[in-house]
Amino acid sequence: MPIILIGVAAAVVAVLVVWLIRADRLVVAVWLGSVIGGAVGNVVDRVRVGAVADFIDVHVGLWHWPAFNVADSAITVGVTLIVIDGLFGRRDLS
């Protein structure tokens, strides 16, 4: 199963790199770089350790946020900003 996950992640990264090369705005390139970096970070963990370690555990009082890692955070923030840009970004309708 880890080989399949690594293969899928590599394919996704390849598609994102093509999108990154074609990006016409710097901010989109930065967000794509964040997603690519997070995906590569997860692949490196999976190859080295055999799993992706969750290592940031946030809690305040009885409130507890699910544990996550920096790579997952980079992916989540990057994808969120790409979606927001796609939905609400400026459009050239000429």
PDB file of N, CA and C in Angstrom:
ATOM      1  N   MET A   1       0.801  -1.206   0.000  1.00  0.00           N
ATOM      2  CA  MET A   1       0.000   0.000   0.000  1.00  0.00           C
ATOM      3  C   MET A   1       0.848   1.276   0.000  1.00  0.00           C
ATOM      4  N   PRO A   2       1.962   1.339   0.754  1.00  0.00           N
ATOM      5  CA  PRO A   2       2.762   2.566   0.718  1.00  0.00           C
ATOM      6  C   PRO A   2       3.274   2.894  -0.685  1.00  0.00           C
ATOM      7  N   ILE A   3       3.572   1.874  -1.490  1.00  0.00           N
ATOM      8  CA  ILE A   3       4.052   2.115  -2.849  1.00  0.00           C
ATOM      9  C   ILE A   3       2.962   2.794  -3.673  1.00  0.00           C
ATOM     10  N   ILE A   4       1.723   2.388  -3.489  1.00  0.00           N
ATOM     11  CA  ILE A   4       0.609   3.002  -4.212  1.00  0.00           C
ATOM     12  C   ILE A   4       0.455   4.463  -3.802  1.00  0.00           C
ATOM     13  N   LEU A   5       0.535   4.738  -2.492  1.00  0.00           N
ATOM     14  CA  LEU A   5       0.421   6.116  -2.014  1.00  0.00           C
ATOM     15  C   LEU A   5       1.556   6.986  -2.547  1.00  0.00           C
ATOM     16  N   ILE A   6       2.753   6.451  -2.580  1.00  0.00           N
ATOM     17  CA  ILE A   6       3.900   7.184  -3.116  1.00  0.00           C
ATOM     18  C   ILE A   6       3.697   7.457  -4.601  1.00  0.00           C
ATOM     19  N   GLY A   7       3.212   6.472  -5.343  1.00  0.00           N
ATOM     20  CA  GLY A   7       2.960   6.648  -6.772  1.00  0.00           C
ATOM     21  C   GLY A   7       1.897   7.690  -7.051  1.00  0.00           C
ATOM     22  N   VAL A   8       0.814   7.659  -6.276  1.00  0.00           N
ATOM     23  CA  VAL A   8      -0.254   8.647  -6.448  1.00  0.00           C
ATOM     24  C   VAL A   8       0.268  10.045  -6.121  1.00  0.00           C
ATOM     25  N   ALA A   9       1.014  10.164  -5.034  1.00  0.00           N
ATOM     26  CA  ALA A   9       1.566  11.468  -4.657  1.00  0.00           C
ATOM     27  C   ALA A   9       2.529  11.977  -5.730  1.00  0.00           C
ATOM     28  N   ALA A  10       3.346  11.101  -6.287  1.00  0.00           N
ATOM     29  CA  ALA A  10       4.280  11.509  -7.346  1.00  0.00           C
ATOM     30  C   ALA A  10       3.522  11.986  -8.584  1.00  0.00           C
ATOM     31  N   ALA A  11       2.444  11.306  -8.929  1.00  0.00           N
ATOM     32  CA  ALA A  11       1.645  11.722 -10.088  1.00  0.00           C
ATOM     33  C   ALA A  11       0.996  13.081  -9.838  1.00  0.00           C
ATOM     34  N   VAL A  12       0.470  13.281  -8.642  1.00  0.00           N
ATOM     35  CA  VAL A  12      -0.148  14.562  -8.305  1.00  0.00           C
ATOM     36  C   VAL A  12       0.902  15.677  -8.349  1.00  0.00           C
ATOM     37  N   VAL A  13       2.078  15.416  -7.804  1.00  0.00           N
ATOM     38  CA  VAL A  13       3.149  16.416  -7.824  1.00  0.00           C
ATOM     39  C   VAL A  13       3.536  16.745  -9.267  1.00  0.00           C
ATOM     40  N   ALA A  14       3.609  15.749 -10.128  1.00  0.00           N
ATOM     41  CA  ALA A  14       3.957  15.996 -11.533  1.00  0.00           C
ATOM     42  C   ALA A  14       2.927  16.915 -12.197  1.00  0.00           C
ATOM     43  N   VAL A  15       1.651  16.661 -11.946  1.00  0.00           N
ATOM     44  CA  VAL A  15       0.597  17.512 -12.510  1.00  0.00           C
ATOM     45  C   VAL A  15       0.706  18.928 -11.943  1.00  0.00           C
ATOM     46  N   LEU A  16       0.957  19.044 -10.653  1.00  0.00           N
ATOM     47  CA  LEU A  16       1.076  20.363 -10.032  1.00  0.00           C
ATOM     48  C   LEU A  16       2.294  21.133 -10.535  1.00  0.00           C
ATOM     49  N   VAL A  17       3.378  20.423 -10.825  1.00  0.00           N
ATOM     50  CA  VAL A  17       4.567  21.087 -11.372  1.00  0.00           C
ATOM     51  C   VAL A  17       4.258  21.657 -12.755  1.00  0.00           C
ATOM     52  N   VAL A  18       3.525  20.925 -13.573  1.00  0.00           N
ATOM     53  CA  VAL A  18       3.123  21.445 -14.884  1.00  0.00           C
ATOM     54  C   VAL A  18       2.254  22.685 -14.700  1.00  0.00           C
ATOM     55  N   TRP A  19       1.312  22.639 -13.755  1.00  0.00           N
ATOM     56  CA  TRP A  19       0.461  23.788 -13.466  1.00  0.00           C
ATOM     57  C   TRP A  19       1.315  24.961 -12.965  1.00  0.00           C
ATOM     58  N   LEU A  20       2.305  24.666 -12.117  1.00  0.00           N
ATOM     59  CA  LEU A  20       3.198  25.696 -11.599  1.00  0.00           C
ATOM     60  C   LEU A  20       3.966  26.380 -12.720  1.00  0.00           C
ATOM     61  N   ILE A  21       4.455  25.612 -13.659  1.00  0.00           N
ATOM     62  CA  ILE A  21       5.201  26.171 -14.792  1.00  0.00           C
ATOM     63  C   ILE A  21       4.312  27.099 -15.609  1.00  0.00           C
ATOM     64  N   ARG A  22       3.039  26.766 -15.717  1.00  0.00           N
ATOM     65  CA  ARG A  22       2.103  27.564 -16.521  1.00  0.00           C
ATOM     66  C   ARG A  22       1.418  28.684 -15.735  1.00  0.00           C
ATOM     67  N   ALA A  23       1.669  28.770 -14.437  1.00  0.00           N
ATOM     68  CA  ALA A  23       1.006  29.784 -13.605  1.00  0.00           C
ATOM     69  C   ALA A  23       1.369  31.178 -14.099  1.00  0.00           C
ATOM     70  N   ASP A  24       0.354  32.016 -14.229  1.00  0.00           N
ATOM     71  CA  ASP A  24       0.580  33.360 -14.753  1.00  0.00           C
ATOM     72  C   ASP A  24       0.722  34.412 -13.656  1.00  0.00           C
ATOM     73  N   ARG A  25       0.486  34.027 -12.413  1.00  0.00           N
ATOM     74  CA  ARG A  25       0.614  34.979 -11.301  1.00  0.00           C
ATOM     75  C   ARG A  25       1.496  34.390 -10.210  1.00  0.00           C
ATOM     76  N   LEU A  26       2.296  35.236  -9.593  1.00  0.00           N
ATOM     77  CA  LEU A  26       3.232  34.801  -8.568  1.00  0.00           C
ATOM     78  C   LEU A  26       2.531  34.173  -7.373  1.00  0.00           C
ATOM     79  N   VAL A  27       1.416  34.756  -6.934  1.00  0.00           N
ATOM     80  CA  VAL A  27       0.738  34.216  -5.756  1.00  0.00           C
ATOM     81  C   VAL A  27       0.238  32.789  -6.004  1.00  0.00           C
ATOM     82  N   VAL A  28      -0.257  32.528  -7.173  1.00  0.00           N
ATOM     83  CA  VAL A  28      -0.697  31.165  -7.499  1.00  0.00           C
ATOM     84  C   VAL A  28       0.497  30.221  -7.497  1.00  0.00           C
ATOM     85  N   ALA A  29       1.627  30.677  -8.020  1.00  0.00           N
ATOM     86  CA  ALA A  29       2.841  29.859  -8.022  1.00  0.00           C
ATOM     87  C   ALA A  29       3.290  29.547  -6.594  1.00  0.00           C
ATOM     88  N   VAL A  30       3.181  30.520  -5.704  1.00  0.00           N
ATOM     89  CA  VAL A  30       3.564  30.296  -4.304  1.00  0.00           C
ATOM     90  C   VAL A  30       2.637  29.276  -3.661  1.00  0.00           C
ATOM     91  N   TRP A  31       1.334  29.405  -3.893  1.00  0.00           N
ATOM     92  CA  TRP A  31       0.382  28.456  -3.313  1.00  0.00           C
ATOM     93  C   TRP A  31       0.605  27.050  -3.866  1.00  0.00           C
ATOM     94  N   LEU A  32       0.857  26.944  -5.159  1.00  0.00           N
ATOM     95  CA  LEU A  32       1.153  25.631  -5.748  1.00  0.00           C
ATOM     96  C   LEU A  32       2.442  25.069  -5.164  1.00  0.00           C
ATOM     97  N   GLY A  33       3.437  25.928  -4.971  1.00  0.00           N
ATOM     98  CA  GLY A  33       4.687  25.488  -4.348  1.00  0.00           C
ATOM     99  C   GLY A  33       4.464  24.957  -2.950  1.00  0.00           C
ATOM    100  N   SER A  34       3.537  25.566  -2.218  1.00  0.00           N
ATOM    101  CA  SER A  34       3.195  25.096  -0.879  1.00  0.00           C
ATOM    102  C   SER A  34       2.592  23.691  -0.927  1.00  0.00           C
ATOM    103  N   VAL A  35       1.686  23.479  -1.862  1.00  0.00           N
ATOM    104  CA  VAL A  35       1.058  22.157  -2.008  1.00  0.00           C
ATOM    105  C   VAL A  35       2.104  21.123  -2.438  1.00  0.00           C
ATOM    106  N   ILE A  36       2.931  21.485  -3.400  1.00  0.00           N
ATOM    107  CA  ILE A  36       3.974  20.569  -3.879  1.00  0.00           C
ATOM    108  C   ILE A  36       4.945  20.237  -2.753  1.00  0.00           C
ATOM    109  N   GLY A  37       5.380  21.252  -2.020  1.00  0.00           N
ATOM    110  CA  GLY A  37       6.305  21.030  -0.914  1.00  0.00           C
ATOM    111  C   GLY A  37       5.724  20.116   0.151  1.00  0.00           C
ATOM    112  N   GLY A  38       4.458  20.325   0.485  1.00  0.00           N
ATOM    113  CA  GLY A  38       3.808  19.462   1.469  1.00  0.00           C
ATOM    114  C   GLY A  38       3.685  18.031   0.990  1.00  0.00           C
ATOM    115  N   ALA A  39       3.325  17.859  -0.277  1.00  0.00           N
ATOM    116  CA  ALA A  39       3.198  16.506  -0.838  1.00  0.00           C
ATOM    117  C   ALA A  39       4.548  15.800  -0.860  1.00  0.00           C
ATOM    118  N   VAL A  40       5.586  16.515  -1.267  1.00  0.00           N
ATOM    119  CA  VAL A  40       6.932  15.919  -1.291  1.00  0.00           C
ATOM    120  C   VAL A  40       7.379  15.586   0.133  1.00  0.00           C
ATOM    121  N   GLY A  41       7.083  16.471   1.086  1.00  0.00           N
ATOM    122  CA  GLY A  41       7.426  16.199   2.481  1.00  0.00           C
ATOM    123  C   GLY A  41       6.760  14.940   2.999  1.00  0.00           C
ATOM    124  N   ASN A  42       5.502  14.738   2.659  1.00  0.00           N
ATOM    125  CA  ASN A  42       4.809  13.516   3.071  1.00  0.00           C
ATOM    126  C   ASN A  42       5.409  12.281   2.412  1.00  0.00           C
ATOM    127  N   VAL A  43       5.793  12.393   1.145  1.00  0.00           N
ATOM    128  CA  VAL A  43       6.422  11.257   0.462  1.00  0.00           C
ATOM    129  C   VAL A  43       7.760  10.918   1.115  1.00  0.00           C
ATOM    130  N   VAL A  44       8.532  11.933   1.447  1.00  0.00           N
ATOM    131  CA  VAL A  44       9.826  11.698   2.104  1.00  0.00           C
ATOM    132  C   VAL A  44       9.610  10.981   3.436  1.00  0.00           C
ATOM    133  N   ASP A  45       8.642  11.430   4.234  1.00  0.00           N
ATOM    134  CA  ASP A  45       8.335  10.740   5.492  1.00  0.00           C
ATOM    135  C   ASP A  45       7.937   9.291   5.244  1.00  0.00           C
ATOM    136  N   ARG A  46       7.100   9.072   4.238  1.00  0.00           N
ATOM    137  CA  ARG A  46       6.622   7.721   3.967  1.00  0.00           C
ATOM    138  C   ARG A  46       7.769   6.809   3.530  1.00  0.00           C
ATOM    139  N   VAL A  47       8.702   7.337   2.751  1.00  0.00           N
ATOM    140  CA  VAL A  47       9.836   6.530   2.292  1.00  0.00           C
ATOM    141  C   VAL A  47      10.811   6.265   3.449  1.00  0.00           C
ATOM    142  N   ARG A  48      11.121   7.304   4.223  1.00  0.00           N
ATOM    143  CA  ARG A  48      12.101   7.164   5.302  1.00  0.00           C
ATOM    144  C   ARG A  48      11.578   6.384   6.493  1.00  0.00           C
ATOM    145  N   VAL A  49      10.348   6.691   6.923  1.00  0.00           N
ATOM    146  CA  VAL A  49       9.820   6.148   8.170  1.00  0.00           C
ATOM    147  C   VAL A  49       8.776   5.064   7.935  1.00  0.00           C
ATOM    148  N   GLY A  50       8.175   5.074   6.742  1.00  0.00           N
ATOM    149  CA  GLY A  50       7.129   4.112   6.448  1.00  0.00           C
ATOM    150  C   GLY A  50       5.741   4.649   6.748  1.00  0.00           C
ATOM    151  N   ALA A  51       5.675   5.867   7.279  1.00  0.00           N
ATOM    152  CA  ALA A  51       4.395   6.509   7.590  1.00  0.00           C
ATOM    153  C   ALA A  51       4.631   8.005   7.686  1.00  0.00           C
ATOM    154  N   VAL A  52       3.545   8.738   7.664  1.00  0.00           N
ATOM    155  CA  VAL A  52       3.633  10.187   7.834  1.00  0.00           C
ATOM    156  C   VAL A  52       3.307  10.481   9.290  1.00  0.00           C
ATOM    157  N   ALA A  53       4.278  11.057   9.989  1.00  0.00           N
ATOM    158  CA  ALA A  53       4.111  11.321  11.423  1.00  0.00           C
ATOM    159  C   ALA A  53       3.332  12.604  11.643  1.00  0.00           C
ATOM    160  N   ASP A  54       2.344  12.543  12.513  1.00  0.00           N
ATOM    161  CA  ASP A  54       1.631  13.738  12.957  1.00  0.00           C
ATOM    162  C   ASP A  54       2.319  14.209  14.226  1.00  0.00           C
ATOM    163  N   PHE A  55       2.803  15.452  14.215  1.00  0.00           N
ATOM    164  CA  PHE A  55       3.626  15.845  15.342  1.00  0.00           C
ATOM    165  C   PHE A  55       3.271  17.172  15.985  1.00  0.00           C
ATOM    166  N   ILE A  56       2.236  17.823  15.548  1.00  0.00           N
ATOM    167  CA  ILE A  56       1.803  19.041  16.222  1.00  0.00           C
ATOM    168  C   ILE A  56       0.440  18.749  16.829  1.00  0.00           C
ATOM    169  N   ASP A  57       0.367  18.864  18.139  1.00  0.00           N
ATOM    170  CA  ASP A  57      -0.855  18.549  18.866  1.00  0.00           C
ATOM    171  C   ASP A  57      -1.284  19.800  19.628  1.00  0.00           C
ATOM    172  N   VAL A  58      -2.380  20.411  19.190  1.00  0.00           N
ATOM    173  CA  VAL A  58      -2.836  21.671  19.765  1.00  0.00           C
ATOM    174  C   VAL A  58      -4.055  21.420  20.647  1.00  0.00           C
ATOM    175  N   HIS A  59      -4.004  21.950  21.863  1.00  0.00           N
ATOM    176  CA  HIS A  59      -5.189  21.875  22.727  1.00  0.00           C
ATOM    177  C   HIS A  59      -5.182  23.064  23.686  1.00  0.00           C
ATOM    178  N   VAL A  60      -6.392  23.523  24.019  1.00  0.00           N
ATOM    179  CA  VAL A  60      -6.589  24.597  24.978  1.00  0.00           C
ATOM    180  C   VAL A  60      -7.706  24.147  25.907  1.00  0.00           C
ATOM    181  N   GLY A  61      -7.375  23.925  27.158  1.00  0.00           N
ATOM    182  CA  GLY A  61      -8.374  23.427  28.098  1.00  0.00           C
ATOM    183  C   GLY A  61      -8.899  22.079  27.624  1.00  0.00           C
ATOM    184  N   LEU A  62     -10.199  21.971  27.479  1.00  0.00           N
ATOM    185  CA  LEU A  62     -10.812  20.733  27.009  1.00  0.00           C
ATOM    186  C   LEU A  62     -10.944  20.673  25.493  1.00  0.00           C
ATOM    187  N   TRP A  63     -10.678  21.799  24.830  1.00  0.00           N
ATOM    188  CA  TRP A  63     -10.763  21.860  23.368  1.00  0.00           C
ATOM    189  C   TRP A  63      -9.493  21.272  22.777  1.00  0.00           C
ATOM    190  N   HIS A  64      -9.646  20.326  21.866  1.00  0.00           N
ATOM    191  CA  HIS A  64      -8.496  19.634  21.284  1.00  0.00           C
ATOM    192  C   HIS A  64      -8.614  19.592  19.769  1.00  0.00           C
ATOM    193  N   TRP A  65      -7.631  20.142  19.080  1.00  0.00           N
ATOM    194  CA  TRP A  65      -7.594  20.121  17.626  1.00  0.00           C
ATOM    195  C   TRP A  65      -6.894  18.852  17.185  1.00  0.00           C
ATOM    196  N   PRO A  66      -7.317  18.203  16.097  1.00  0.00           N
ATOM    197  CA  PRO A  66      -6.637  16.990  15.636  1.00  0.00           C
ATOM    198  C   PRO A  66      -5.153  17.256  15.351  1.00  0.00           C
ATOM    199  N   ALA A  67      -4.323  16.273  15.653  1.00  0.00           N
ATOM    200  CA  ALA A  67      -2.883  16.394  15.408  1.00  0.00           C
ATOM    201  C   ALA A  67      -2.617  16.486  13.915  1.00  0.00           C
ATOM    202  N   PHE A  68      -1.630  17.269  13.536  1.00  0.00           N
ATOM    203  CA  PHE A  68      -1.292  17.448  12.131  1.00  0.00           C
ATOM    204  C   PHE A  68       0.196  17.716  11.998  1.00  0.00           C
ATOM    205  N   ASN A  69       0.698  17.672  10.789  1.00  0.00           N
ATOM    206  CA  ASN A  69       2.109  17.979  10.565  1.00  0.00           C
ATOM    207  C   ASN A  69       2.242  19.193   9.653  1.00  0.00           C
ATOM    208  N   VAL A  70       3.451  19.693   9.540  1.00  0.00           N
ATOM    209  CA  VAL A  70       3.698  20.906   8.761  1.00  0.00           C
ATOM    210  C   VAL A  70       3.367  20.672   7.285  1.00  0.00           C
ATOM    211  N   ALA A  71       3.695  19.501   6.762  1.00  0.00           N
ATOM    212  CA  ALA A  71       3.411  19.207   5.356  1.00  0.00           C
ATOM    213  C   ALA A  71       1.910  19.250   5.084  1.00  0.00           C
ATOM    214  N   ASP A  72       1.131  18.645   5.968  1.00  0.00           N
ATOM    215  CA  ASP A  72      -0.327  18.676   5.798  1.00  0.00           C
ATOM    216  C   ASP A  72      -0.854  20.102   5.897  1.00  0.00           C
ATOM    217  N   SER A  73      -0.262  20.899   6.777  1.00  0.00           N
ATOM    218  CA  SER A  73      -0.676  22.300   6.901  1.00  0.00           C
ATOM    219  C   SER A  73      -0.392  23.059   5.612  1.00  0.00           C
ATOM    220  N   ALA A  74       0.777  22.848   5.028  1.00  0.00           N
ATOM    221  CA  ALA A  74       1.139  23.523   3.778  1.00  0.00           C
ATOM    222  C   ALA A  74       0.175  23.143   2.660  1.00  0.00           C
ATOM    223  N   ILE A  75      -0.167  21.868   2.587  1.00  0.00           N
ATOM    224  CA  ILE A  75      -1.113  21.407   1.569  1.00  0.00           C
ATOM    225  C   ILE A  75      -2.482  22.049   1.788  1.00  0.00           C
ATOM    226  N   THR A  76      -2.956  22.022   3.020  1.00  0.00           N
ATOM    227  CA  THR A  76      -4.281  22.558   3.329  1.00  0.00           C
ATOM    228  C   THR A  76      -4.373  24.051   3.037  1.00  0.00           C
ATOM    229  N   VAL A  77      -3.385  24.815   3.486  1.00  0.00           N
ATOM    230  CA  VAL A  77      -3.399  26.261   3.249  1.00  0.00           C
ATOM    231  C   VAL A  77      -3.282  26.550   1.753  1.00  0.00           C
ATOM    232  N   GLY A  78      -2.379  25.857   1.068  1.00  0.00           N
ATOM    233  CA  GLY A  78      -2.205  26.077  -0.370  1.00  0.00           C
ATOM    234  C   GLY A  78      -3.458  25.776  -1.163  1.00  0.00           C
ATOM    235  N   VAL A  79      -4.076  24.639  -0.900  1.00  0.00           N
ATOM    236  CA  VAL A  79      -5.295  24.254  -1.621  1.00  0.00           C
ATOM    237  C   VAL A  79      -6.429  25.222  -1.297  1.00  0.00           C
ATOM    238  N   THR A  80      -6.563  25.606  -0.038  1.00  0.00           N
ATOM    239  CA  THR A  80      -7.612  26.549   0.341  1.00  0.00           C
ATOM    240  C   THR A  80      -7.463  27.866  -0.408  1.00  0.00           C
ATOM    241  N   LEU A  81      -6.250  28.388  -0.478  1.00  0.00           N
ATOM    242  CA  LEU A  81      -6.028  29.655  -1.178  1.00  0.00           C
ATOM    243  C   LEU A  81      -6.237  29.524  -2.685  1.00  0.00           C
ATOM    244  N   ILE A  82      -5.881  28.388  -3.254  1.00  0.00           N
ATOM    245  CA  ILE A  82      -6.115  28.161  -4.687  1.00  0.00           C
ATOM    246  C   ILE A  82      -7.618  28.128  -4.971  1.00  0.00           C
ATOM    247  N   VAL A  83      -8.377  27.444  -4.117  1.00  0.00           N
ATOM    248  CA  VAL A  83      -9.834  27.368  -4.299  1.00  0.00           C
ATOM    249  C   VAL A  83     -10.464  28.755  -4.146  1.00  0.00           C
ATOM    250  N   ILE A  84     -10.043  29.499  -3.116  1.00  0.00           N
ATOM    251  CA  ILE A  84     -10.575  30.848  -2.922  1.00  0.00           C
ATOM    252  C   ILE A  84     -10.264  31.724  -4.131  1.00  0.00           C
ATOM    253  N   ASP A  85      -9.036  31.623  -4.634  1.00  0.00           N
ATOM    254  CA  ASP A  85      -8.662  32.398  -5.815  1.00  0.00           C
ATOM    255  C   ASP A  85      -9.503  31.986  -7.025  1.00  0.00           C
ATOM    256  N   GLY A  86      -9.742  30.697  -7.161  1.00  0.00           N
ATOM    257  CA  GLY A  86     -10.552  30.220  -8.277  1.00  0.00           C
ATOM    258  C   GLY A  86     -11.996  30.695  -8.202  1.00  0.00           C
ATOM    259  N   LEU A  87     -12.518  30.793  -6.990  1.00  0.00           N
ATOM    260  CA  LEU A  87     -13.902  31.216  -6.815  1.00  0.00           C
ATOM    261  C   LEU A  87     -14.070  32.732  -6.852  1.00  0.00           C
ATOM    262  N   PHE A  88     -13.141  33.448  -6.250  1.00  0.00           N
ATOM    263  CA  PHE A  88     -13.324  34.884  -6.063  1.00  0.00           C
ATOM    264  C   PHE A  88     -12.231  35.742  -6.680  1.00  0.00           C
ATOM    265  N   GLY A  89     -11.252  35.130  -7.333  1.00  0.00           N
ATOM    266  CA  GLY A  89     -10.143  35.877  -7.913  1.00  0.00           C
ATOM    267  C   GLY A  89     -10.599  36.747  -9.067  1.00  0.00           C
ATOM    268  N   ARG A  90      -9.742  37.662  -9.430  1.00  0.00           N
ATOM    269  CA  ARG A  90     -10.093  38.557 -10.549  1.00  0.00           C
ATOM    270  C   ARG A  90     -10.169  37.775 -11.853  1.00  0.00           C
ATOM    271  N   ARG A  91     -11.055  38.201 -12.684  1.00  0.00           N
ATOM    272  CA  ARG A  91     -11.274  37.543 -13.972  1.00  0.00           C
ATOM    273  C   ARG A  91     -11.038  38.535 -15.102  1.00  0.00           C
ATOM    274  N   ASP A  92     -10.408  38.080 -16.165  1.00  0.00           N
ATOM    275  CA  ASP A  92     -10.245  38.888 -17.353  1.00  0.00           C
ATOM    276  C   ASP A  92     -11.256  38.376 -18.367  1.00  0.00           C
ATOM    277  N   LEU A  93     -12.354  39.092 -18.519  1.00  0.00           N
ATOM    278  CA  LEU A  93     -13.464  38.635 -19.369  1.00  0.00           C
ATOM    279  C   LEU A  93     -13.403  39.228 -20.784  1.00  0.00           C
ATOM    280  N   SER A  94     -12.274  39.791 -21.148  1.00  0.00           N
ATOM    281  CA  SER A  94     -12.187  40.403 -22.467  1.00  0.00           C
ATOM    282  C   SER A  94     -11.990  39.381 -23.558  1.00  0.00           C
TER     283      SER A  94
END
